[in-house]
C-alpha atoms as a PDB file:
ATOM      1  CA  MET A   1       0.000   0.000   0.000  1.00  0.00           C
ATOM      2  CA  SER A   2       1.540   3.293  -1.115  1.00  0.00           C
ATOM      3  CA  LEU A   3       2.273   6.099   1.261  1.00  0.00           C
ATOM      4  CA  GLU A   4       0.922   8.741  -1.114  1.00  0.00           C
ATOM      5  CA  SER A   5      -2.676   7.480  -1.021  1.00  0.00           C
ATOM      6  CA  GLY A   6      -2.786   7.457   2.781  1.00  0.00           C
ATOM      7  CA  LYS A   7      -1.047  10.821   2.894  1.00  0.00           C
ATOM      8  CA  LYS A   8      -3.531  12.446   0.491  1.00  0.00           C
ATOM      9  CA  LEU A   9      -6.585  10.973   2.229  1.00  0.00           C
ATOM     10  CA  GLY A  10      -5.316  12.015   5.662  1.00  0.00           C
ATOM     11  CA  THR A  11      -4.544  15.524   4.450  1.00  0.00           C
ATOM     12  CA  THR A  12      -7.997  15.834   2.879  1.00  0.00           C
ATOM     13  CA  ALA A  13      -9.765  14.558   6.006  1.00  0.00           C
ATOM     14  CA  SER A  14      -7.793  16.918   8.260  1.00  0.00           C
ATOM     15  CA  LEU A  15      -8.466  19.841   5.929  1.00  0.00           C
ATOM     16  CA  ILE A  16     -12.199  19.107   6.105  1.00  0.00           C
ATOM     17  CA  SER A  17     -12.043  19.003   9.910  1.00  0.00           C
ATOM     18  CA  VAL A  18     -10.255  22.360   9.929  1.00  0.00           C
ATOM     19  CA  ILE A  19     -12.513  24.177   7.433  1.00  0.00           C
ATOM     20  CA  LEU A  20     -15.947  22.949   8.567  1.00  0.00           C
ATOM     21  CA  PRO A  21     -15.824  24.544  12.056  1.00  0.00           C
ATOM     22  CA  VAL A  22     -14.968  27.872  10.444  1.00  0.00           C
ATOM     23  CA  ILE A  23     -17.966  27.516   8.130  1.00  0.00           C
ATOM     24  CA  GLY A  24     -20.135  26.569  11.131  1.00  0.00           C
ATOM     25  CA  VAL A  25     -19.088  29.718  12.982  1.00  0.00           C
ATOM     26  CA  LEU A  26     -19.891  31.834   9.928  1.00  0.00           C
ATOM     27  CA  VAL A  27     -23.324  30.196   9.702  1.00  0.00           C
ATOM     28  CA  TYR A  28     -23.960  30.954  13.371  1.00  0.00           C
ATOM     29  CA  VAL A  29     -22.979  34.583  12.780  1.00  0.00           C
ATOM     30  CA  PHE A  30     -25.296  34.714   9.782  1.00  0.00           C
ATOM     31  CA  LEU A  31     -28.113  33.218  11.845  1.00  0.00           C
ATOM     32  CA  PHE A  32     -27.503  35.706  14.647  1.00  0.00           C
ATOM     33  CA  VAL A  33     -27.495  38.669  12.268  1.00  0.00           C
ATOM     34  CA  SER A  34     -30.615  37.351  10.543  1.00  0.00           C
ATOM     35  CA  SER A  35     -32.460  37.014  13.862  1.00  0.00           C
ATOM     36  CA  ILE A  36     -31.581  40.598  14.774  1.00  0.00           C
ATOM     37  CA  SER A  37     -32.700  41.919  11.403  1.00  0.00           C
ATOM     38  CA  ALA A  38     -35.911  39.853  11.624  1.00  0.00           C
ATOM     39  CA  SER A  39     -36.710  41.318  15.035  1.00  0.00           C
ATOM     40  CA  ILE A  40     -36.256  44.834  13.664  1.00  0.00           C
ATOM     41  CA  SER A  41     -38.190  44.327  10.430  1.00  0.00           C
ATOM     42  CA  PRO A  42     -40.084  41.011  10.482  1.00  0.00           C
ATOM     43  CA  GLY A  43     -40.928  39.506   7.137  1.00  0.00           C
ATOM     44  CA  ALA A  44     -41.115  36.305   5.136  1.00  0.00           C
ATOM     45  CA  ASN A  45     -37.356  36.199   4.537  1.00  0.00           C
ATOM     46  CA  SER A  46     -36.668  35.031   8.099  1.00  0.00           C
ATOM     47  CA  ALA A  47     -38.370  31.669   7.514  1.00  0.00           C
ATOM     48  CA  ALA A  48     -36.509  31.198   4.245  1.00  0.00           C
ATOM     49  CA  SER A  49     -33.162  32.001   5.872  1.00  0.00           C
ATOM     50  CA  LEU A  50     -33.924  29.550   8.688  1.00  0.00           C
ATOM     51  CA  ASP A  51     -34.631  26.793   6.168  1.00  0.00           C
ATOM     52  CA  PHE A  52     -31.397  27.647   4.395  1.00  0.00           C
ATOM     53  CA  VAL A  53     -29.441  27.375   7.667  1.00  0.00           C
ATOM     54  CA  ILE A  54     -31.014  23.998   8.468  1.00  0.00           C
ATOM     55  CA  ILE A  55     -30.135  22.644   5.024  1.00  0.00           C
ATOM     56  CA  LEU A  56     -26.624  24.073   5.279  1.00  0.00           C
ATOM     57  CA  PHE A  57     -26.043  22.420   8.664  1.00  0.00           C
ATOM     58  CA  GLY A  58     -27.255  19.133   7.181  1.00  0.00           C
ATOM     59  CA  VAL A  59     -24.744  19.448   4.358  1.00  0.00           C
ATOM     60  CA  ILE A  60     -21.982  20.312   6.839  1.00  0.00           C
ATOM     61  CA  GLY A  61     -22.823  17.233   8.894  1.00  0.00           C
ATOM     62  CA  LEU A  62     -22.730  15.027   5.807  1.00  0.00           C
ATOM     63  CA  ILE A  63     -19.364  16.435   4.695  1.00  0.00           C
ATOM     64  CA  ALA A  64     -17.992  15.946   8.224  1.00  0.00           C
ATOM     65  CA  PHE A  65     -19.059  12.293   8.164  1.00  0.00           C
ATOM     66  CA  VAL A  66     -17.420  11.787   4.754  1.00  0.00           C
ATOM     67  CA  GLY A  67     -14.252  13.428   6.078  1.00  0.00           C
ATOM     68  CA  PHE A  68     -14.161  11.036   9.005  1.00  0.00           C
ATOM     69  CA  ILE A  69     -14.570   8.076   6.647  1.00  0.00           C
ATOM     70  CA  LEU A  70     -11.594   9.381   4.664  1.00  0.00           C
ATOM     71  CA  PHE A  71      -9.627   9.666   7.900  1.00  0.00           C
ATOM     72  CA  VAL A  72     -10.343   6.029   8.812  1.00  0.00           C
ATOM     73  CA  VAL A  73      -9.352   4.841   5.324  1.00  0.00           C
ATOM     74  CA  ALA A  74      -6.156   6.926   5.481  1.00  0.00           C
ATOM     75  CA  MET A  75      -5.179   5.413   8.831  1.00  0.00           C
ATOM     76  CA  HIS A  76      -5.867   1.944   7.418  1.00  0.00           C
ATOM     77  CA  ARG A  77      -3.523   2.503   4.480  1.00  0.00           C
ATOM     78  CA  LEU A  78      -0.826   4.038   6.661  1.00  0.00           C
ATOM     79  CA  SER A  79      -1.206   1.117   9.050  1.00  0.00           C
ATOM     80  CA  GLN A  80      -0.448  -1.251   6.173  1.00  0.00           C
ATOM     81  CA  TYR A  81       2.414   0.891   4.891  1.00  0.00           C
ATOM     82  CA  TYR A  82       4.175   1.000   8.269  1.00  0.00           C
ATOM     83  CA  ASN A  83       3.168  -2.602   9.032  1.00  0.00           C
ATOM     84  CA  GLU A  84       1.583  -1.536  12.339  1.00  0.00           C
ATOM     85  CA  PRO A  85      -1.986  -2.910  12.787  1.00  0.00           C
ATOM     86  CA  SER A  86      -2.598  -0.937  15.998  1.00  0.00           C
ATOM     87  CA  ILE A  87      -2.777   2.322  14.004  1.00  0.00           C
ATOM     88  CA  PHE A  88      -5.921   1.205  12.212  1.00  0.00           C
ATOM     89  CA  LYS A  89      -7.367  -0.835  15.084  1.00  0.00           C
ATOM     90  CA  ASN A  90      -7.369   2.105  17.506  1.00  0.00           C
ATOM     91  CA  THR A  91      -8.795   4.381  14.819  1.00  0.00           C
ATOM     92  CA  LEU A  92     -11.553   1.887  14.052  1.00  0.00           C
ATOM     93  CA  TYR A  93     -12.400   1.437  17.748  1.00  0.00           C
ATOM     94  CA  GLY A  94     -12.638   5.203  18.184  1.00  0.00           C
ATOM     95  CA  PHE A  95     -14.868   5.495  15.121  1.00  0.00           C
ATOM     96  CA  ILE A  96     -17.198   2.739  16.375  1.00  0.00           C
ATOM     97  CA  VAL A  97     -17.470   4.459  19.761  1.00  0.00           C
ATOM     98  CA  ASN A  98     -18.405   7.682  17.959  1.00  0.00           C
ATOM     99  CA  ILE A  99     -21.128   5.883  16.004  1.00  0.00           C
ATOM    100  CA  VAL A 100     -22.528   4.383  19.213  1.00  0.00           C
ATOM    101  CA  GLY A 101     -22.424   7.839  20.785  1.00  0.00           C
ATOM    102  CA  ALA A 102     -24.280   9.379  17.857  1.00  0.00           C
ATOM    103  CA  ILE A 103     -27.020   6.736  18.076  1.00  0.00           C
ATOM    104  CA  THR A 104     -27.283   7.265  21.839  1.00  0.00           C
ATOM    105  CA  ALA A 105     -27.507  11.024  21.368  1.00  0.00           C
ATOM    106  CA  LEU A 106     -30.262  10.537  18.794  1.00  0.00           C
ATOM    107  CA  LEU A 107     -32.252   8.369  21.206  1.00  0.00           C
ATOM    108  CA  PHE A 108     -31.883  10.941  23.958  1.00  0.00           C
ATOM    109  CA  TYR A 109     -32.930  13.689  21.551  1.00  0.00           C
ATOM    110  CA  VAL A 110     -36.101  11.760  20.695  1.00  0.00           C
ATOM    111  CA  ALA A 111     -36.800  11.247  24.403  1.00  0.00           C
ATOM    112  CA  LEU A 112     -36.163  14.929  25.083  1.00  0.00           C
ATOM    113  CA  THR A 113     -38.465  16.007  22.250  1.00  0.00           C
ATOM    114  CA  THR A 114     -41.170  13.689  23.513  1.00  0.00           C
ATOM    115  CA  ALA A 115     -40.832  15.056  27.029  1.00  0.00           C
ATOM    116  CA  VAL A 116     -41.082  18.641  25.792  1.00  0.00           C
ATOM    117  CA  THR A 117     -44.126  17.791  23.647  1.00  0.00           C
ATOM    118  CA  HIS A 118     -45.988  16.156  26.531  1.00  0.00           C
ATOM    119  CA  SER A 119     -45.108  19.036  28.846  1.00  0.00           C
ATOM    120  CA  VAL A 120     -47.204  21.479  26.743  1.00  0.00           C
ATOM    121  CA  PRO A 121     -50.863  21.620  27.995  1.00  0.00           C
ATOM    122  CA  GLN A 122     -53.455  20.504  25.441  1.00  0.00           C
ATOM    123  CA  GLY A 123     -56.354  22.764  24.408  1.00  0.00           C
ATOM    124  CA  SER A 124     -56.592  26.486  24.406  1.00  0.00           C
ATOM    125  CA  THR A 125     -54.457  28.761  26.491  1.00  0.00           C
ATOM    126  CA  GLN A 126     -57.472  29.895  28.521  1.00  0.00           C
ATOM    127  CA  ALA A 127     -58.411  26.312  29.298  1.00  0.00           C
ATOM    128  CA  ALA A 128     -54.839  25.570  30.277  1.00  0.00           C
ATOM    129  CA  VAL A 129     -54.838  28.504  32.660  1.00  0.00           C
ATOM    130  CA  SER A 130     -58.226  27.717  34.208  1.00  0.00           C
ATOM    131  CA  THR A 131     -57.617  23.993  34.547  1.00  0.00           C
ATOM    132  CA  PRO A 132     -55.186  23.182  37.332  1.00  0.00           C
ATOM    133  CA  LEU A 133     -52.478  20.687  36.526  1.00  0.00           C
ATOM    134  CA  PRO A 134     -52.408  17.481  38.552  1.00  0.00           C
ATOM    135  CA  THR A 135     -49.944  17.427  41.381  1.00  0.00           C
ATOM    136  CA  VAL A 136     -46.963  15.139  40.662  1.00  0.00           C
ATOM    137  CA  PRO A 137     -43.802  14.454  42.625  1.00  0.00           C
ATOM    138  CA  PRO A 138     -40.917  16.819  41.773  1.00  0.00           C
ATOM    139  CA  ILE A 139     -38.861  13.979  40.310  1.00  0.00           C
ATOM    140  CA  LEU A 140     -41.628  13.268  37.750  1.00  0.00           C
ATOM    141  CA  ASN A 141     -42.147  16.899  36.832  1.00  0.00           C
ATOM    142  CA  SER A 142     -41.758  17.581  33.102  1.00  0.00           C
ATOM    143  CA  LEU A 143     -39.194  20.322  33.620  1.00  0.00           C
ATOM    144  CA  GLY A 144     -37.186  18.076  35.918  1.00  0.00           C
ATOM    145  CA  LEU A 145     -37.358  15.278  33.360  1.00  0.00           C
ATOM    146  CA  ILE A 146     -36.144  17.585  30.609  1.00  0.00           C
ATOM    147  CA  ILE A 147     -33.242  18.825  32.737  1.00  0.00           C
ATOM    148  CA  SER A 148     -32.345  15.258  33.685  1.00  0.00           C
ATOM    149  CA  LEU A 149     -32.322  14.181  30.041  1.00  0.00           C
ATOM    150  CA  ILE A 150     -30.140  17.131  29.075  1.00  0.00           C
ATOM    151  CA  LEU A 151     -27.640  16.417  31.855  1.00  0.00           C
ATOM    152  CA  ALA A 152     -27.607  12.722  30.999  1.00  0.00           C
ATOM    153  CA  LEU A 153     -27.038  13.550  27.333  1.00  0.00           C
ATOM    154  CA  ILE A 154     -24.108  15.835  28.194  1.00  0.00           C
ATOM    155  CA  GLY A 155     -22.590  13.269  30.534  1.00  0.00           C
ATOM    156  CA  ILE A 156     -22.869  10.412  28.049  1.00  0.00           C
ATOM    157  CA  ALA A 157     -21.499  12.590  25.255  1.00  0.00           C
ATOM    158  CA  VAL A 158     -18.440  13.511  27.350  1.00  0.00           C
ATOM    159  CA  ILE A 159     -17.793   9.909  28.403  1.00  0.00           C
ATOM    160  CA  ILE A 160     -18.128   8.552  24.875  1.00  0.00           C
ATOM    161  CA  GLY A 161     -16.019  11.401  23.531  1.00  0.00           C
ATOM    162  CA  VAL A 162     -13.227  10.719  26.025  1.00  0.00           C
ATOM    163  CA  VAL A 163     -13.210   6.986  25.257  1.00  0.00           C
ATOM    164  CA  SER A 164     -13.022   7.584  21.505  1.00  0.00           C
ATOM    165  CA  ALA A 165     -10.365  10.283  22.008  1.00  0.00           C
ATOM    166  CA  VAL A 166      -8.191   7.811  23.930  1.00  0.00           C
ATOM    167  CA  PHE A 167      -8.314   5.418  20.970  1.00  0.00           C
ATOM    168  CA  TYR A 168      -7.493   8.216  18.538  1.00  0.00           C
ATOM    169  CA  MET A 169      -4.606   9.360  20.731  1.00  0.00           C
ATOM    170  CA  ARG A 170      -3.160   5.832  20.698  1.00  0.00           C
ATOM    171  CA  ALA A 171      -3.479   5.693  16.920  1.00  0.00           C
ATOM    172  CA  PHE A 172      -1.801   9.081  16.458  1.00  0.00           C
ATOM    173  CA  ASN A 173       0.983   8.180  18.901  1.00  0.00           C
ATOM    174  CA  LYS A 174       1.764   4.949  17.092  1.00  0.00           C
ATOM    175  CA  LEU A 175       1.672   6.718  13.726  1.00  0.00           C
ATOM    176  CA  GLY A 176       4.060   9.361  15.049  1.00  0.00           C
ATOM    177  CA  GLU A 177       6.349   6.643  16.375  1.00  0.00           C
ATOM    178  CA  LYS A 178       6.455   4.740  13.082  1.00  0.00           C
ATOM    179  CA  SER A 179       6.671   7.771  10.785  1.00  0.00           C
ATOM    180  CA  GLY A 180       8.975   9.889  12.918  1.00  0.00           C
ATOM    181  CA  VAL A 181       6.578  12.873  12.720  1.00  0.00           C
ATOM    182  CA  ASP A 182       6.187  14.224  16.252  1.00  0.00           C
ATOM    183  CA  ASN A 183       3.184  16.358  15.266  1.00  0.00           C
ATOM    184  CA  PHE A 184       0.988  13.269  15.482  1.00  0.00           C
ATOM    185  CA  LYS A 185       1.883  12.688  19.130  1.00  0.00           C
ATOM    186  CA  THR A 186       0.954  16.282  19.959  1.00  0.00           C
ATOM    187  CA  THR A 187      -2.228  15.873  17.909  1.00  0.00           C
ATOM    188  CA  GLY A 188      -3.425  12.909  19.981  1.00  0.00           C
ATOM    189  CA  LEU A 189      -2.776  14.628  23.304  1.00  0.00           C
ATOM    190  CA  LEU A 190      -4.344  17.907  22.212  1.00  0.00           C
ATOM    191  CA  TYR A 191      -7.412  16.119  20.857  1.00  0.00           C
ATOM    192  CA  LEU A 192      -7.931  14.257  24.139  1.00  0.00           C
ATOM    193  CA  LEU A 193      -7.589  17.472  26.158  1.00  0.00           C
ATOM    194  CA  GLY A 194     -10.023  19.167  23.795  1.00  0.00           C
ATOM    195  CA  VAL A 195     -12.669  16.491  24.340  1.00  0.00           C
ATOM    196  CA  VAL A 196     -12.233  16.617  28.122  1.00  0.00           C
ATOM    197  CA  LEU A 197     -12.468  20.425  28.167  1.00  0.00           C
ATOM    198  CA  SER A 198     -15.252  20.635  25.583  1.00  0.00           C
ATOM    199  CA  ILE A 199     -17.783  20.974  28.381  1.00  0.00           C
ATOM    200  CA  VAL A 200     -16.353  24.416  29.184  1.00  0.00           C
ATOM    201  CA  GLY A 201     -16.109  25.518  25.560  1.00  0.00           C
ATOM    202  CA  VAL A 202     -12.341  25.908  25.227  1.00  0.00           C
ATOM    203  CA  GLY A 203     -12.039  22.261  24.253  1.00  0.00           C
ATOM    204  CA  VAL A 204     -13.571  22.934  20.842  1.00  0.00           C
ATOM    205  CA  LEU A 205     -10.668  25.264  20.055  1.00  0.00           C
ATOM    206  CA  LEU A 206      -8.155  22.655  21.223  1.00  0.00           C
ATOM    207  CA  MET A 207      -9.696  19.979  18.987  1.00  0.00           C
ATOM    208  CA  TRP A 208      -9.615  22.400  16.063  1.00  0.00           C
ATOM    209  CA  MET A 209      -5.903  23.061  16.730  1.00  0.00           C
ATOM    210  CA  ALA A 210      -5.329  19.297  16.954  1.00  0.00           C
ATOM    211  CA  TRP A 211      -6.664  18.837  13.431  1.00  0.00           C
ATOM    212  CA  ILE A 212      -4.380  21.627  12.211  1.00  0.00           C
ATOM    213  CA  LEU A 213      -1.408  19.697  13.634  1.00  0.00           C
ATOM    214  CA  ALA A 214      -2.748  16.511  12.032  1.00  0.00           C
ATOM    215  CA  LEU A 215      -2.949  18.338   8.689  1.00  0.00           C
ATOM    216  CA  ILE A 216       0.688  19.398   9.020  1.00  0.00           C
ATOM    217  CA  GLY A 217       1.653  15.885  10.103  1.00  0.00           C
ATOM    218  CA  PHE A 218      -0.002  14.156   7.153  1.00  0.00           C
ATOM    219  CA  HIS A 219       1.547  16.669   4.778  1.00  0.00           C
ATOM    220  CA  SER A 220       4.989  16.027   6.313  1.00  0.00           C
ATOM    221  CA  LEU A 221       4.962  12.250   5.848  1.00  0.00           C
ATOM    222  CA  LYS A 222       8.016  10.969   4.015  1.00  0.00           C
ATOM    223  CA  PRO A 223       8.756   7.531   2.572  1.00  0.00           C
ATOM    224  CA  LYS A 224      10.533   5.323   5.050  1.00  0.00           C
ATOM    225  CA  ILE A 225      14.205   4.655   4.403  1.00  0.00           C
ATOM    226  CA  PRO A 226      14.709   1.069   3.222  1.00  0.00           C
ATOM    227  CA  GLU A 227      16.874  -1.042   5.453  1.00  0.00           C
ATOM    228  CA  THR A 228      19.809  -1.929   3.207  1.00  0.00           C
ATOM    229  CA  THR A 229      22.625  -4.251   4.245  1.00  0.00           C
ATOM    230  CA  SER A 230      26.032  -2.890   3.373  1.00  0.00           C
ATOM    231  CA  THR A 231      28.061  -5.362   1.369  1.00  0.00           C
ATOM    232  CA  PHE A 232      31.800  -5.099   1.567  1.00  0.00           C
ATOM    233  CA  ALA A 233      34.409  -7.435   0.170  1.00  0.00           C
ATOM    234  CA  TYR A 234      36.543  -8.600   3.021  1.00  0.00           C
ATOM    235  CA  LEU A 235      40.015  -9.948   2.272  1.00  0.00           C
ATOM    236  CA  THR A 236      40.584 -13.200   4.043  1.00  0.00           C
ATOM    237  CA  SER A 237      44.030 -14.288   4.981  1.00  0.00           C
ATOM    238  CA  THR A 238      45.475 -17.053   2.873  1.00  0.00           C
ATOM    239  CA  PRO A 239      46.567 -20.093   4.821  1.00  0.00           C
ATOM    240  CA  SER A 240      50.250 -20.340   5.384  1.00  0.00           C
ATOM    241  CA  SER A 241      50.284 -23.686   3.596  1.00  0.00           C
ATOM    242  CA  THR A 242      49.425 -22.074   0.259  1.00  0.00           C
ATOM    243  CA  MET A 243      51.470 -18.903   0.726  1.00  0.00           C
ATOM    244  CA  PRO A 244      54.556 -19.554   2.809  1.00  0.00           C
ATOM    245  CA  ASP A 245      55.931 -16.762   4.892  1.00  0.00           C
ATOM    246  CA  VAL A 246      59.109 -15.273   3.429  1.00  0.00           C
ATOM    247  CA  SER A 247      60.591 -14.814   6.869  1.00  0.00           C
ATOM    248  CA  GLN A 248      60.471 -18.603   7.419  1.00  0.00           C
ATOM    249  CA  ARG A 249      62.618 -19.440   4.361  1.00  0.00           C
ATOM    250  CA  ARG A 250      66.190 -20.655   5.107  1.00  0.00           C
ATOM    251  CA  TYR A 251      69.220 -19.582   3.124  1.00  0.00           C
ATOM    252  CA  CYS A 252      72.550 -21.344   3.196  1.00  0.00           C
ATOM    253  CA  PRO A 253      75.199 -19.177   4.905  1.00  0.00           C
ATOM    254  CA  TYR A 254      77.890 -20.732   2.686  1.00  0.00           C
ATOM    255  CA  CYS A 255      76.505 -20.626  -0.827  1.00  0.00           C
ATOM    256  CA  GLY A 256      73.348 -18.531  -0.367  1.00  0.00           C
ATOM    257  CA  ALA A 257      71.030 -21.119  -1.857  1.00  0.00           C
ATOM    258  CA  GLU A 258      67.360 -21.101  -0.786  1.00  0.00           C
ATOM    259  CA  ASN A 259      66.186 -24.093   1.209  1.00  0.00           C
ATOM    260  CA  SER A 260      62.870 -25.162   2.683  1.00  0.00           C
ATOM    261  CA  PRO A 261      62.171 -24.109   6.308  1.00  0.00           C
ATOM    262  CA  GLY A 262      62.627 -27.667   7.641  1.00  0.00           C
ATOM    263  CA  SER A 263      65.869 -28.470   5.806  1.00  0.00           C
ATOM    264  CA  LEU A 264      68.923 -29.526   7.853  1.00  0.00           C
ATOM    265  CA  TYR A 265      71.430 -29.544   4.983  1.00  0.00           C
ATOM    266  CA  CYS A 266      71.793 -27.237   2.023  1.00  0.00           C
ATOM    267  CA  ARG A 267      70.452 -28.775  -1.126  1.00  0.00           C
ATOM    268  CA  SER A 268      73.121 -26.958  -3.167  1.00  0.00           C
ATOM    269  CA  CYS A 269      76.420 -27.417  -1.324  1.00  0.00           C
ATOM    270  CA  GLY A 270      75.391 -30.090   1.144  1.00  0.00           C
ATOM    271  CA  LYS A 271      76.728 -28.305   4.182  1.00  0.00           C
ATOM    272  CA  GLN A 272      74.782 -28.358   7.440  1.00  0.00           C
ATOM    273  CA  LEU A 273      72.525 -25.406   7.948  1.00  0.00           C
ATOM    274  CA  GLN A 274      72.757 -23.543  11.268  1.00  0.00           C
END
């Protein structure tokens, strides 16, 4: 699996995660300005602008989901490239936790909508005012139920977000370890801190900064250096039997003839060698 495909998909997914929050903020500003202008001069354009905002948020949500799919595919390809299965496994676990969290949030939203609907008195306003509501325990009060559902939704969202962020942090850390890009390690930590602190608002900014670091990290990925074995020609010493040492040769002190190292008498003059 090539590095370039995972690099491009990761860069695209991170770029989507960086741009979409900016677009969301601009939409909120547009909605705020539209509500102010509608309060000053009410007209039919306010309903049209509200429909436009709802459709736009739907499109943003769809693009965000596609971006996350691209991120998972990118981590899968990089996991194969670096031969590290834990990169993709942790990413997949975090993605599954997010899906479970989204389904849970949807169920709580339906329950919250149902509670709000049943809390509105039926009939005319005058009848609702003249007819006293039945006395119920405080714990079963509609307002208390709504508040409880909202708090439960926030708590579950934070818990699920932290669990998924831990998996993503592990995936980013392992990717940073295998690729040598330290930005990924900072990305995982910053993303986890952002999820934990999202309840106070500043966490959203930290998660946005984490995706900026991820964008830089994916863009900085380089092909890994192949592990090559250096081949050198080593000269081995020739056994002394095939190449006799010159210093071991014997020369006759009388005639100067060369004799073998183990000779006792000169082969030329016949005199005894010393």
